[in-house]
């Protein structure tokens, strides 16, 4: 896999449907191969402390599509496909008992309010 394709980048994901419908999260992908994510409130501020994940995997499917996957500390794996041309995403969350498909949009964020919380 190619984690370096998202290393050093931050993305805000907002889900249209599924269990996270209407919720936004900011993901910060670190150069060391780890990431952190935090749920955002309606004003775009972090709700609580970020969750840290030791490793993630990322791969490119051409110039416009990126696939990212990680196992959260809660035991849920999130695999997300980002379409950079449209700004849309599809995510599949799964655990040992179930799985959920979610759709949404994303944007790359630069030095936003939540970034400092991930340091």
PDB file of N, CA and C in Angstrom:
ATOM      1  N   UNK A   1       0.834  -1.181   0.000  1.00  0.00           N
ATOM      2  CA  UNK A   1       0.000   0.000   0.000  1.00  0.00           C
ATOM      3  C   UNK A   1       0.884   1.252   0.000  1.00  0.00           C
ATOM      4  N   UNK A   2       0.262   2.410  -0.102  1.00  0.00           N
ATOM      5  CA  UNK A   2       0.988   3.655  -0.282  1.00  0.00           C
ATOM      6  C   UNK A   2       0.515   4.731   0.691  1.00  0.00           C
ATOM      7  N   UNK A   3       0.777   4.573   2.007  1.00  0.00           N
ATOM      8  CA  UNK A   3       0.283   5.580   2.949  1.00  0.00           C
ATOM      9  C   UNK A   3       0.788   6.980   2.651  1.00  0.00           C
ATOM     10  N   UNK A   4       1.929   7.091   1.965  1.00  0.00           N
ATOM     11  CA  UNK A   4       2.491   8.416   1.696  1.00  0.00           C
ATOM     12  C   UNK A   4       1.591   9.273   0.807  1.00  0.00           C
ATOM     13  N   UNK A   5       0.629   8.674   0.104  1.00  0.00           N
ATOM     14  CA  UNK A   5      -0.221   9.491  -0.772  1.00  0.00           C
ATOM     15  C   UNK A   5      -1.162  10.402   0.015  1.00  0.00           C
ATOM     16  N   UNK A   6      -1.403  10.108   1.289  1.00  0.00           N
ATOM     17  CA  UNK A   6      -2.213  10.998   2.121  1.00  0.00           C
ATOM     18  C   UNK A   6      -1.432  11.528   3.323  1.00  0.00           C
ATOM     19  N   UNK A   7      -0.209  11.061   3.506  1.00  0.00           N
ATOM     20  CA  UNK A   7       0.603  11.491   4.649  1.00  0.00           C
ATOM     21  C   UNK A   7       0.760  13.011   4.651  1.00  0.00           C
ATOM     22  N   UNK A   8       0.557  13.600   5.821  1.00  0.00           N
ATOM     23  CA  UNK A   8       0.675  15.040   5.959  1.00  0.00           C
ATOM     24  C   UNK A   8      -0.572  15.806   5.552  1.00  0.00           C
ATOM     25  N   UNK A   9      -1.620  15.096   5.182  1.00  0.00           N
ATOM     26  CA  UNK A   9      -2.866  15.754   4.761  1.00  0.00           C
ATOM     27  C   UNK A   9      -3.948  15.580   5.821  1.00  0.00           C
ATOM     28  N   UNK A  10      -4.882  16.514   5.813  1.00  0.00           N
ATOM     29  CA  UNK A  10      -6.049  16.454   6.694  1.00  0.00           C
ATOM     30  C   UNK A  10      -7.298  16.556   5.835  1.00  0.00           C
ATOM     31  N   UNK A  11      -8.288  15.747   6.173  1.00  0.00           N
ATOM     32  CA  UNK A  11      -9.548  15.741   5.434  1.00  0.00           C
ATOM     33  C   UNK A  11     -10.714  15.842   6.401  1.00  0.00           C
ATOM     34  N   UNK A  12     -11.743  16.564   5.995  1.00  0.00           N
ATOM     35  CA  UNK A  12     -13.008  16.615   6.724  1.00  0.00           C
ATOM     36  C   UNK A  12     -14.004  15.775   5.951  1.00  0.00           C
ATOM     37  N   UNK A  13     -14.570  14.767   6.634  1.00  0.00           N
ATOM     38  CA  UNK A  13     -15.551  13.865   6.034  1.00  0.00           C
ATOM     39  C   UNK A  13     -16.904  14.154   6.668  1.00  0.00           C
ATOM     40  N   UNK A  14     -17.942  14.311   5.856  1.00  0.00           N
ATOM     41  CA  UNK A  14     -19.307  14.494   6.343  1.00  0.00           C
ATOM     42  C   UNK A  14     -20.178  13.440   5.685  1.00  0.00           C
ATOM     43  N   UNK A  15     -20.923  12.702   6.509  1.00  0.00           N
ATOM     44  CA  UNK A  15     -21.715  11.580   6.007  1.00  0.00           C
ATOM     45  C   UNK A  15     -23.165  11.986   5.767  1.00  0.00           C
ATOM     46  N   UNK A  16     -23.709  11.537   4.611  1.00  0.00           N
ATOM     47  CA  UNK A  16     -25.101  11.809   4.226  1.00  0.00           C
ATOM     48  C   UNK A  16     -26.071  10.779   4.787  1.00  0.00           C
ATOM     49  N   UNK A  17     -25.569   9.551   4.997  1.00  0.00           N
ATOM     50  CA  UNK A  17     -26.449   8.457   5.415  1.00  0.00           C
ATOM     51  C   UNK A  17     -25.678   7.501   6.319  1.00  0.00           C
ATOM     52  N   UNK A  18     -26.326   6.407   6.686  1.00  0.00           N
ATOM     53  CA  UNK A  18     -25.690   5.417   7.542  1.00  0.00           C
ATOM     54  C   UNK A  18     -25.690   5.841   8.998  1.00  0.00           C
ATOM     55  N   UNK A  19     -24.996   5.084   9.840  1.00  0.00           N
ATOM     56  CA  UNK A  19     -24.999   5.364  11.276  1.00  0.00           C
ATOM     57  C   UNK A  19     -24.403   6.724  11.648  1.00  0.00           C
ATOM     58  N   UNK A  20     -23.579   7.286  10.795  1.00  0.00           N
ATOM     59  CA  UNK A  20     -22.956   8.583  11.072  1.00  0.00           C
ATOM     60  C   UNK A  20     -23.620   9.721  10.291  1.00  0.00           C
ATOM     61  N   UNK A  21     -24.833   9.501   9.808  1.00  0.00           N
ATOM     62  CA  UNK A  21     -25.559  10.499   9.014  1.00  0.00           C
ATOM     63  C   UNK A  21     -25.549  11.864   9.698  1.00  0.00           C
ATOM     64  N   UNK A  22     -25.157  12.896   8.928  1.00  0.00           N
ATOM     65  CA  UNK A  22     -25.159  14.260   9.435  1.00  0.00           C
ATOM     66  C   UNK A  22     -23.956  14.614  10.289  1.00  0.00           C
ATOM     67  N   UNK A  23     -23.046  13.683  10.507  1.00  0.00           N
ATOM     68  CA  UNK A  23     -21.880  13.934  11.351  1.00  0.00           C
ATOM     69  C   UNK A  23     -20.646  14.179  10.496  1.00  0.00           C
ATOM     70  N   UNK A  24     -19.755  15.021  11.025  1.00  0.00           N
ATOM     71  CA  UNK A  24     -18.496  15.320  10.351  1.00  0.00           C
ATOM     72  C   UNK A  24     -17.329  14.900  11.239  1.00  0.00           C
ATOM     73  N   UNK A  25     -16.259  14.478  10.593  1.00  0.00           N
ATOM     74  CA  UNK A  25     -15.042  14.051  11.272  1.00  0.00           C
ATOM     75  C   UNK A  25     -13.846  14.644  10.551  1.00  0.00           C
ATOM     76  N   UNK A  26     -12.845  15.009  11.304  1.00  0.00           N
ATOM     77  CA  UNK A  26     -11.597  15.452  10.697  1.00  0.00           C
ATOM     78  C   UNK A  26     -10.560  14.359  10.920  1.00  0.00           C
ATOM     79  N   UNK A  27      -9.916  13.956   9.828  1.00  0.00           N
ATOM     80  CA  UNK A  27      -8.864  12.938   9.857  1.00  0.00           C
ATOM     81  C   UNK A  27      -7.538  13.603   9.515  1.00  0.00           C
ATOM     82  N   UNK A  28      -6.529  13.364  10.328  1.00  0.00           N
ATOM     83  CA  UNK A  28      -5.177  13.864  10.079  1.00  0.00           C
ATOM     84  C   UNK A  28      -4.280  12.645   9.880  1.00  0.00           C
ATOM     85  N   UNK A  29      -3.685  12.553   8.688  1.00  0.00           N
ATOM     86  CA  UNK A  29      -2.822  11.429   8.332  1.00  0.00           C
ATOM     87  C   UNK A  29      -1.369  11.845   8.526  1.00  0.00           C
ATOM     88  N   UNK A  30      -0.685  11.167   9.441  1.00  0.00           N
ATOM     89  CA  UNK A  30       0.689  11.532   9.781  1.00  0.00           C
ATOM     90  C   UNK A  30       1.695  10.823   8.868  1.00  0.00           C
ATOM     91  N   UNK A  31       2.854  11.411   8.745  1.00  0.00           N
ATOM     92  CA  UNK A  31       3.922  10.850   7.912  1.00  0.00           C
ATOM     93  C   UNK A  31       4.459   9.539   8.481  1.00  0.00           C
ATOM     94  N   UNK A  32       4.278   9.309   9.795  1.00  0.00           N
ATOM     95  CA  UNK A  32       4.778   8.070  10.403  1.00  0.00           C
ATOM     96  C   UNK A  32       3.853   6.879  10.156  1.00  0.00           C
ATOM     97  N   UNK A  33       2.782   7.076   9.381  1.00  0.00           N
ATOM     98  CA  UNK A  33       1.865   5.986   9.060  1.00  0.00           C
ATOM     99  C   UNK A  33       0.683   5.869   9.994  1.00  0.00           C
ATOM    100  N   UNK A  34       0.592   6.753  10.985  1.00  0.00           N
ATOM    101  CA  UNK A  34      -0.551   6.767  11.890  1.00  0.00           C
ATOM    102  C   UNK A  34      -1.508   7.883  11.528  1.00  0.00           C
ATOM    103  N   UNK A  35      -2.630   7.918  12.220  1.00  0.00           N
ATOM    104  CA  UNK A  35      -3.612   8.971  11.991  1.00  0.00           C
ATOM    105  C   UNK A  35      -4.346   9.274  13.277  1.00  0.00           C
ATOM    106  N   UNK A  36      -5.044  10.393  13.259  1.00  0.00           N
ATOM    107  CA  UNK A  36      -5.977  10.706  14.336  1.00  0.00           C
ATOM    108  C   UNK A  36      -7.239  11.258  13.699  1.00  0.00           C
ATOM    109  N   UNK A  37      -8.353  11.030  14.389  1.00  0.00           N
ATOM    110  CA  UNK A  37      -9.619  11.577  13.906  1.00  0.00           C
ATOM    111  C   UNK A  37     -10.430  12.069  15.085  1.00  0.00           C
ATOM    112  N   UNK A  38     -11.258  13.061  14.815  1.00  0.00           N
ATOM    113  CA  UNK A  38     -12.105  13.634  15.848  1.00  0.00           C
ATOM    114  C   UNK A  38     -13.439  14.029  15.223  1.00  0.00           C
ATOM    115  N   UNK A  39     -14.494  13.819  15.973  1.00  0.00           N
ATOM    116  CA  UNK A  39     -15.825  14.265  15.544  1.00  0.00           C
ATOM    117  C   UNK A  39     -15.897  15.772  15.715  1.00  0.00           C
ATOM    118  N   UNK A  40     -16.569  16.445  14.766  1.00  0.00           N
ATOM    119  CA  UNK A  40     -16.704  17.891  14.809  1.00  0.00           C
ATOM    120  C   UNK A  40     -18.144  18.279  15.135  1.00  0.00           C
ATOM    121  N   UNK A  41     -18.292  19.387  15.854  1.00  0.00           N
ATOM    122  CA  UNK A  41     -19.638  19.886  16.127  1.00  0.00           C
ATOM    123  C   UNK A  41     -20.138  20.674  14.916  1.00  0.00           C
ATOM    124  N   UNK A  42     -21.329  21.220  14.998  1.00  0.00           N
ATOM    125  CA  UNK A  42     -21.955  21.917  13.869  1.00  0.00           C
ATOM    126  C   UNK A  42     -21.148  23.132  13.419  1.00  0.00           C
ATOM    127  N   UNK A  43     -20.363  23.726  14.322  1.00  0.00           N
ATOM    128  CA  UNK A  43     -19.549  24.893  13.977  1.00  0.00           C
ATOM    129  C   UNK A  43     -18.167  24.491  13.456  1.00  0.00           C
ATOM    130  N   UNK A  44     -17.878  23.196  13.429  1.00  0.00           N
ATOM    131  CA  UNK A  44     -16.587  22.730  12.929  1.00  0.00           C
ATOM    132  C   UNK A  44     -15.505  22.609  13.978  1.00  0.00           C
ATOM    133  N   UNK A  45     -15.885  22.684  15.254  1.00  0.00           N
ATOM    134  CA  UNK A  45     -14.925  22.537  16.336  1.00  0.00           C
ATOM    135  C   UNK A  45     -14.889  21.082  16.811  1.00  0.00           C
ATOM    136  N   UNK A  46     -13.726  20.614  17.271  1.00  0.00           N
ATOM    137  CA  UNK A  46     -13.633  19.232  17.764  1.00  0.00           C
ATOM    138  C   UNK A  46     -14.540  18.998  18.960  1.00  0.00           C
ATOM    139  N   UNK A  47     -15.154  17.823  18.985  1.00  0.00           N
ATOM    140  CA  UNK A  47     -15.936  17.375  20.137  1.00  0.00           C
ATOM    141  C   UNK A  47     -15.079  16.356  20.873  1.00  0.00           C
ATOM    142  N   UNK A  48     -14.447  16.763  21.930  1.00  0.00           N
ATOM    143  CA  UNK A  48     -13.612  15.849  22.695  1.00  0.00           C
ATOM    144  C   UNK A  48     -12.215  15.719  22.109  1.00  0.00           C
ATOM    145  N   UNK A  49     -11.519  14.726  22.623  1.00  0.00           N
ATOM    146  CA  UNK A  49     -10.142  14.480  22.207  1.00  0.00           C
ATOM    147  C   UNK A  49     -10.111  13.606  20.962  1.00  0.00           C
ATOM    148  N   UNK A  50      -9.081  13.765  20.134  1.00  0.00           N
ATOM    149  CA  UNK A  50      -8.981  12.910  18.950  1.00  0.00           C
ATOM    150  C   UNK A  50      -8.673  11.467  19.330  1.00  0.00           C
ATOM    151  N   UNK A  51      -9.127  10.566  18.487  1.00  0.00           N
ATOM    152  CA  UNK A  51      -8.792   9.155  18.618  1.00  0.00           C
ATOM    153  C   UNK A  51      -7.558   8.909  17.777  1.00  0.00           C
ATOM    154  N   UNK A  52      -6.572   8.262  18.362  1.00  0.00           N
ATOM    155  CA  UNK A  52      -5.329   7.979  17.649  1.00  0.00           C
ATOM    156  C   UNK A  52      -5.321   6.540  17.155  1.00  0.00           C
ATOM    157  N   UNK A  53      -4.833   6.369  15.944  1.00  0.00           N
ATOM    158  CA  UNK A  53      -4.737   5.056  15.306  1.00  0.00           C
ATOM    159  C   UNK A  53      -3.281   4.881  14.893  1.00  0.00           C
ATOM    160  N   UNK A  54      -2.691   3.733  15.237  1.00  0.00           N
ATOM    161  CA  UNK A  54      -1.260   3.517  15.004  1.00  0.00           C
ATOM    162  C   UNK A  54      -0.902   3.412  13.528  1.00  0.00           C
ATOM    163  N   UNK A  55      -1.754   2.764  12.734  1.00  0.00           N
ATOM    164  CA  UNK A  55      -1.420   2.576  11.317  1.00  0.00           C
ATOM    165  C   UNK A  55      -2.663   2.678  10.446  1.00  0.00           C
ATOM    166  N   UNK A  56      -2.438   3.062   9.217  1.00  0.00           N
ATOM    167  CA  UNK A  56      -3.477   3.051   8.192  1.00  0.00           C
ATOM    168  C   UNK A  56      -2.825   2.606   6.894  1.00  0.00           C
ATOM    169  N   UNK A  57      -3.638   2.215   5.968  1.00  0.00           N
ATOM    170  CA  UNK A  57      -3.168   1.870   4.627  1.00  0.00           C
ATOM    171  C   UNK A  57      -3.895   2.763   3.636  1.00  0.00           C
ATOM    172  N   UNK A  58      -3.213   3.127   2.576  1.00  0.00           N
ATOM    173  CA  UNK A  58      -3.814   3.962   1.532  1.00  0.00           C
ATOM    174  C   UNK A  58      -3.287   3.504   0.182  1.00  0.00           C
ATOM    175  N   UNK A  59      -4.124   3.625  -0.821  1.00  0.00           N
ATOM    176  CA  UNK A  59      -3.726   3.272  -2.183  1.00  0.00           C
ATOM    177  C   UNK A  59      -4.437   4.188  -3.153  1.00  0.00           C
ATOM    178  N   UNK A  60      -3.798   4.403  -4.278  1.00  0.00           N
ATOM    179  CA  UNK A  60      -4.365   5.230  -5.328  1.00  0.00           C
ATOM    180  C   UNK A  60      -4.942   4.338  -6.415  1.00  0.00           C
ATOM    181  N   UNK A  61      -6.108   4.722  -6.903  1.00  0.00           N
ATOM    182  CA  UNK A  61      -6.721   4.047  -8.050  1.00  0.00           C
ATOM    183  C   UNK A  61      -6.759   5.054  -9.193  1.00  0.00           C
ATOM    184  N   UNK A  62      -5.589   5.445  -9.638  1.00  0.00           N
ATOM    185  CA  UNK A  62      -5.502   6.489 -10.644  1.00  0.00           C
ATOM    186  C   UNK A  62      -5.346   7.836  -9.978  1.00  0.00           C
ATOM    187  N   UNK A  63      -5.458   8.878 -10.764  1.00  0.00           N
ATOM    188  CA  UNK A  63      -5.230  10.230 -10.274  1.00  0.00           C
ATOM    189  C   UNK A  63      -6.336  10.746  -9.364  1.00  0.00           C
ATOM    190  N   UNK A  64      -7.538  10.271  -9.523  1.00  0.00           N
ATOM    191  CA  UNK A  64      -8.687  10.883  -8.850  1.00  0.00           C
ATOM    192  C   UNK A  64      -9.305  10.081  -7.716  1.00  0.00           C
ATOM    193  N   UNK A  65      -8.826   8.868  -7.469  1.00  0.00           N
ATOM    194  CA  UNK A  65      -9.458   8.022  -6.457  1.00  0.00           C
ATOM    195  C   UNK A  65      -8.410   7.499  -5.473  1.00  0.00           C
ATOM    196  N   UNK A  66      -8.701   7.655  -4.185  1.00  0.00           N
ATOM    197  CA  UNK A  66      -7.843   7.166  -3.117  1.00  0.00           C
ATOM    198  C   UNK A  66      -8.663   6.262  -2.207  1.00  0.00           C
ATOM    199  N   UNK A  67      -8.071   5.150  -1.800  1.00  0.00           N
ATOM    200  CA  UNK A  67      -8.692   4.234  -0.851  1.00  0.00           C
ATOM    201  C   UNK A  67      -7.868   4.272   0.431  1.00  0.00           C
ATOM    202  N   UNK A  68      -8.547   4.441   1.570  1.00  0.00           N
ATOM    203  CA  UNK A  68      -7.884   4.500   2.874  1.00  0.00           C
ATOM    204  C   UNK A  68      -8.590   3.523   3.795  1.00  0.00           C
ATOM    205  N   UNK A  69      -7.810   2.772   4.583  1.00  0.00           N
ATOM    206  CA  UNK A  69      -8.405   1.825   5.520  1.00  0.00           C
ATOM    207  C   UNK A  69      -7.629   1.827   6.830  1.00  0.00           C
ATOM    208  N   UNK A  70      -8.383   1.726   7.935  1.00  0.00           N
ATOM    209  CA  UNK A  70      -7.734   1.614   9.247  1.00  0.00           C
ATOM    210  C   UNK A  70      -8.649   0.896  10.224  1.00  0.00           C
ATOM    211  N   UNK A  71      -8.030   0.333  11.257  1.00  0.00           N
ATOM    212  CA  UNK A  71      -8.732  -0.335  12.349  1.00  0.00           C
ATOM    213  C   UNK A  71      -8.714   0.605  13.541  1.00  0.00           C
ATOM    214  N   UNK A  72      -9.895   1.041  13.966  1.00  0.00           N
ATOM    215  CA  UNK A  72      -9.969   1.960  15.106  1.00  0.00           C
ATOM    216  C   UNK A  72      -9.826   1.186  16.412  1.00  0.00           C
ATOM    217  N   UNK A  73      -9.467   1.873  17.489  1.00  0.00           N
ATOM    218  CA  UNK A  73      -9.344   1.204  18.784  1.00  0.00           C
ATOM    219  C   UNK A  73     -10.641   0.532  19.252  1.00  0.00           C
ATOM    220  N   UNK A  74     -11.785   0.957  18.722  1.00  0.00           N
ATOM    221  CA  UNK A  74     -13.067   0.358  19.110  1.00  0.00           C
ATOM    222  C   UNK A  74     -13.277  -1.016  18.470  1.00  0.00           C
ATOM    223  N   UNK A  75     -12.391  -1.399  17.534  1.00  0.00           N
ATOM    224  CA  UNK A  75     -12.528  -2.674  16.844  1.00  0.00           C
ATOM    225  C   UNK A  75     -13.257  -2.581  15.521  1.00  0.00           C
ATOM    226  N   UNK A  76     -13.578  -1.372  15.096  1.00  0.00           N
ATOM    227  CA  UNK A  76     -14.247  -1.163  13.817  1.00  0.00           C
ATOM    228  C   UNK A  76     -13.209  -0.821  12.755  1.00  0.00           C
ATOM    229  N   UNK A  77     -13.305  -1.485  11.618  1.00  0.00           N
ATOM    230  CA  UNK A  77     -12.466  -1.142  10.471  1.00  0.00           C
ATOM    231  C   UNK A  77     -13.262  -0.210   9.575  1.00  0.00           C
ATOM    232  N   UNK A  78     -12.624   0.878   9.162  1.00  0.00           N
ATOM    233  CA  UNK A  78     -13.255   1.814   8.239  1.00  0.00           C
ATOM    234  C   UNK A  78     -12.424   1.834   6.958  1.00  0.00           C
ATOM    235  N   UNK A  79     -13.064   1.496   5.862  1.00  0.00           N
ATOM    236  CA  UNK A  79     -12.428   1.560   4.544  1.00  0.00           C
ATOM    237  C   UNK A  79     -13.200   2.592   3.745  1.00  0.00           C
ATOM    238  N   UNK A  80     -12.488   3.619   3.271  1.00  0.00           N
ATOM    239  CA  UNK A  80     -13.129   4.761   2.625  1.00  0.00           C
ATOM    240  C   UNK A  80     -12.527   5.001   1.253  1.00  0.00           C
ATOM    241  N   UNK A  81     -13.384   5.230   0.280  1.00  0.00           N
ATOM    242  CA  UNK A  81     -12.965   5.574  -1.075  1.00  0.00           C
ATOM    243  C   UNK A  81     -13.273   7.051  -1.287  1.00  0.00           C
ATOM    244  N   UNK A  82     -12.238   7.831  -1.617  1.00  0.00           N
ATOM    245  CA  UNK A  82     -12.377   9.259  -1.872  1.00  0.00           C
ATOM    246  C   UNK A  82     -12.271   9.504  -3.367  1.00  0.00           C
ATOM    247  N   UNK A  83     -13.288  10.151  -3.940  1.00  0.00           N
ATOM    248  CA  UNK A  83     -13.254  10.530  -5.354  1.00  0.00           C
ATOM    249  C   UNK A  83     -12.899  12.020  -5.394  1.00  0.00           C
ATOM    250  N   UNK A  84     -11.637  12.316  -5.701  1.00  0.00           N
ATOM    251  CA  UNK A  84     -11.144  13.694  -5.662  1.00  0.00           C
ATOM    252  C   UNK A  84     -11.776  14.581  -6.728  1.00  0.00           C
ATOM    253  N   UNK A  85     -12.252  14.007  -7.796  1.00  0.00           N
ATOM    254  CA  UNK A  85     -12.886  14.805  -8.848  1.00  0.00           C
ATOM    255  C   UNK A  85     -14.244  15.339  -8.382  1.00  0.00           C
ATOM    256  N   UNK A  86     -15.044  14.485  -7.726  1.00  0.00           N
ATOM    257  CA  UNK A  86     -16.387  14.887  -7.313  1.00  0.00           C
ATOM    258  C   UNK A  86     -16.453  15.388  -5.873  1.00  0.00           C
ATOM    259  N   UNK A  87     -15.457  15.032  -5.045  1.00  0.00           N
ATOM    260  CA  UNK A  87     -15.508  15.381  -3.625  1.00  0.00           C
ATOM    261  C   UNK A  87     -16.405  14.464  -2.821  1.00  0.00           C
ATOM    262  N   UNK A  88     -16.819  13.336  -3.433  1.00  0.00           N
ATOM    263  CA  UNK A  88     -17.696  12.384  -2.745  1.00  0.00           C
ATOM    264  C   UNK A  88     -16.892  11.220  -2.194  1.00  0.00           C
ATOM    265  N   UNK A  89     -17.470  10.567  -1.179  1.00  0.00           N
ATOM    266  CA  UNK A  89     -16.830   9.401  -0.584  1.00  0.00           C
ATOM    267  C   UNK A  89     -17.848   8.301  -0.360  1.00  0.00           C
ATOM    268  N   UNK A  90     -17.340   7.077  -0.298  1.00  0.00           N
ATOM    269  CA  UNK A  90     -18.108   5.909   0.120  1.00  0.00           C
ATOM    270  C   UNK A  90     -17.257   5.224   1.168  1.00  0.00           C
ATOM    271  N   UNK A  91     -17.857   4.907   2.313  1.00  0.00           N
ATOM    272  CA  UNK A  91     -17.130   4.259   3.397  1.00  0.00           C
ATOM    273  C   UNK A  91     -17.863   3.001   3.823  1.00  0.00           C
ATOM    274  N   UNK A  92     -17.099   1.965   4.110  1.00  0.00           N
ATOM    275  CA  UNK A  92     -17.656   0.737   4.660  1.00  0.00           C
ATOM    276  C   UNK A  92     -17.029   0.546   6.030  1.00  0.00           C
ATOM    277  N   UNK A  93     -17.863   0.549   7.063  1.00  0.00           N
ATOM    278  CA  UNK A  93     -17.422   0.279   8.426  1.00  0.00           C
ATOM    279  C   UNK A  93     -17.820  -1.149   8.755  1.00  0.00           C
ATOM    280  N   UNK A  94     -16.925  -1.877   9.417  1.00  0.00           N
ATOM    281  CA  UNK A  94     -17.238  -3.265   9.756  1.00  0.00           C
ATOM    282  C   UNK A  94     -16.567  -3.654  11.065  1.00  0.00           C
ATOM    283  N   UNK A  95     -17.197  -4.633  11.720  1.00  0.00           N
ATOM    284  CA  UNK A  95     -16.598  -5.258  12.900  1.00  0.00           C
ATOM    285  C   UNK A  95     -16.833  -6.756  12.779  1.00  0.00           C
ATOM    286  N   UNK A  96     -16.611  -7.488  13.851  1.00  0.00           N
ATOM    287  CA  UNK A  96     -16.744  -8.946  13.766  1.00  0.00           C
ATOM    288  C   UNK A  96     -18.187  -9.417  13.568  1.00  0.00           C
ATOM    289  N   UNK A  97     -19.164  -8.517  13.754  1.00  0.00           N
ATOM    290  CA  UNK A  97     -20.563  -8.917  13.673  1.00  0.00           C
ATOM    291  C   UNK A  97     -21.360  -8.300  12.526  1.00  0.00           C
ATOM    292  N   UNK A  98     -20.923  -7.163  11.996  1.00  0.00           N
ATOM    293  CA  UNK A  98     -21.774  -6.437  11.053  1.00  0.00           C
ATOM    294  C   UNK A  98     -20.946  -5.515  10.164  1.00  0.00           C
ATOM    295  N   UNK A  99     -21.607  -4.894   9.192  1.00  0.00           N
ATOM    296  CA  UNK A  99     -20.976  -3.874   8.358  1.00  0.00           C
ATOM    297  C   UNK A  99     -22.025  -2.863   7.924  1.00  0.00           C
ATOM    298  N   UNK A 100     -21.551  -1.635   7.614  1.00  0.00           N
ATOM    299  CA  UNK A 100     -22.421  -0.541   7.219  1.00  0.00           C
ATOM    300  C   UNK A 100     -21.791   0.216   6.076  1.00  0.00           C
ATOM    301  N   UNK A 101     -22.595   0.567   5.076  1.00  0.00           N
ATOM    302  CA  UNK A 101     -22.134   1.398   3.966  1.00  0.00           C
ATOM    303  C   UNK A 101     -22.636   2.819   4.222  1.00  0.00           C
ATOM    304  N   UNK A 102     -21.749   3.792   4.030  1.00  0.00           N
ATOM    305  CA  UNK A 102     -22.083   5.190   4.251  1.00  0.00           C
ATOM    306  C   UNK A 102     -21.581   6.013   3.070  1.00  0.00           C
ATOM    307  N   UNK A 103     -22.327   7.052   2.728  1.00  0.00           N
ATOM    308  CA  UNK A 103     -21.942   7.958   1.644  1.00  0.00           C
ATOM    309  C   UNK A 103     -21.781   9.355   2.218  1.00  0.00           C
ATOM    310  N   UNK A 104     -20.974  10.152   1.554  1.00  0.00           N
ATOM    311  CA  UNK A 104     -20.800  11.520   2.027  1.00  0.00           C
ATOM    312  C   UNK A 104     -19.933  12.331   1.099  1.00  0.00           C
ATOM    313  N   UNK A 105     -19.424  13.414   1.660  1.00  0.00           N
ATOM    314  CA  UNK A 105     -18.519  14.278   0.914  1.00  0.00           C
ATOM    315  C   UNK A 105     -17.277  14.505   1.768  1.00  0.00           C
ATOM    316  N   UNK A 106     -16.228  14.993   1.126  1.00  0.00           N
ATOM    317  CA  UNK A 106     -15.001  15.290   1.854  1.00  0.00           C
ATOM    318  C   UNK A 106     -14.338  16.512   1.256  1.00  0.00           C
ATOM    319  N   UNK A 107     -13.469  17.096   2.059  1.00  0.00           N
ATOM    320  CA  UNK A 107     -12.646  18.192   1.589  1.00  0.00           C
ATOM    321  C   UNK A 107     -11.318  18.128   2.321  1.00  0.00           C
ATOM    322  N   UNK A 108     -10.258  18.518   1.622  1.00  0.00           N
ATOM    323  CA  UNK A 108      -8.965  18.627   2.281  1.00  0.00           C
ATOM    324  C   UNK A 108      -8.976  19.922   3.070  1.00  0.00           C
ATOM    325  N   UNK A 109      -8.485  19.885   4.294  1.00  0.00           N
ATOM    326  CA  UNK A 109      -8.450  21.072   5.140  1.00  0.00           C
ATOM    327  C   UNK A 109      -6.996  21.443   5.407  1.00  0.00           C
ATOM    328  N   UNK A 110      -6.746  22.733   5.498  1.00  0.00           N
ATOM    329  CA  UNK A 110      -5.404  23.260   5.723  1.00  0.00           C
ATOM    330  C   UNK A 110      -5.425  24.150   6.950  1.00  0.00           C
ATOM    331  N   UNK A 111      -4.669  23.768   7.980  1.00  0.00           N
ATOM    332  CA  UNK A 111      -4.521  24.589   9.188  1.00  0.00           C
ATOM    333  C   UNK A 111      -5.868  25.049   9.720  1.00  0.00           C
ATOM    334  N   UNK A 112      -6.804  24.109   9.810  1.00  0.00           N
ATOM    335  CA  UNK A 112      -8.129  24.435  10.340  1.00  0.00           C
ATOM    336  C   UNK A 112      -8.109  24.365  11.862  1.00  0.00           C
ATOM    337  N   UNK A 113      -9.189  24.762  12.466  1.00  0.00           N
ATOM    338  CA  UNK A 113      -9.305  24.804  13.921  1.00  0.00           C
ATOM    339  C   UNK A 113      -8.980  23.490  14.570  1.00  0.00           C
ATOM    340  N   UNK A 114      -9.390  22.386  13.976  1.00  0.00           N
ATOM    341  CA  UNK A 114      -9.196  21.090  14.608  1.00  0.00           C
ATOM    342  C   UNK A 114      -7.796  20.546  14.492  1.00  0.00           C
ATOM    343  N   UNK A 115      -6.958  21.079  13.600  1.00  0.00           N
ATOM    344  CA  UNK A 115      -5.641  20.513  13.369  1.00  0.00           C
ATOM    345  C   UNK A 115      -4.779  20.503  14.627  1.00  0.00           C
ATOM    346  N   UNK A 116      -4.806  21.555  15.411  1.00  0.00           N
ATOM    347  CA  UNK A 116      -3.968  21.627  16.593  1.00  0.00           C
ATOM    348  C   UNK A 116      -4.325  20.541  17.590  1.00  0.00           C
ATOM    349  N   UNK A 117      -5.586  20.119  17.598  1.00  0.00           N
ATOM    350  CA  UNK A 117      -6.024  19.081  18.530  1.00  0.00           C
ATOM    351  C   UNK A 117      -5.434  17.725  18.191  1.00  0.00           C
ATOM    352  N   UNK A 118      -4.912  17.557  16.989  1.00  0.00           N
ATOM    353  CA  UNK A 118      -4.367  16.275  16.568  1.00  0.00           C
ATOM    354  C   UNK A 118      -2.874  16.174  16.799  1.00  0.00           C
ATOM    355  N   UNK A 119      -2.232  17.254  17.153  1.00  0.00           N
ATOM    356  CA  UNK A 119      -0.764  17.256  17.267  1.00  0.00           C
ATOM    357  C   UNK A 119      -0.267  16.336  18.353  1.00  0.00           C
TER     358      UNK A 119
END
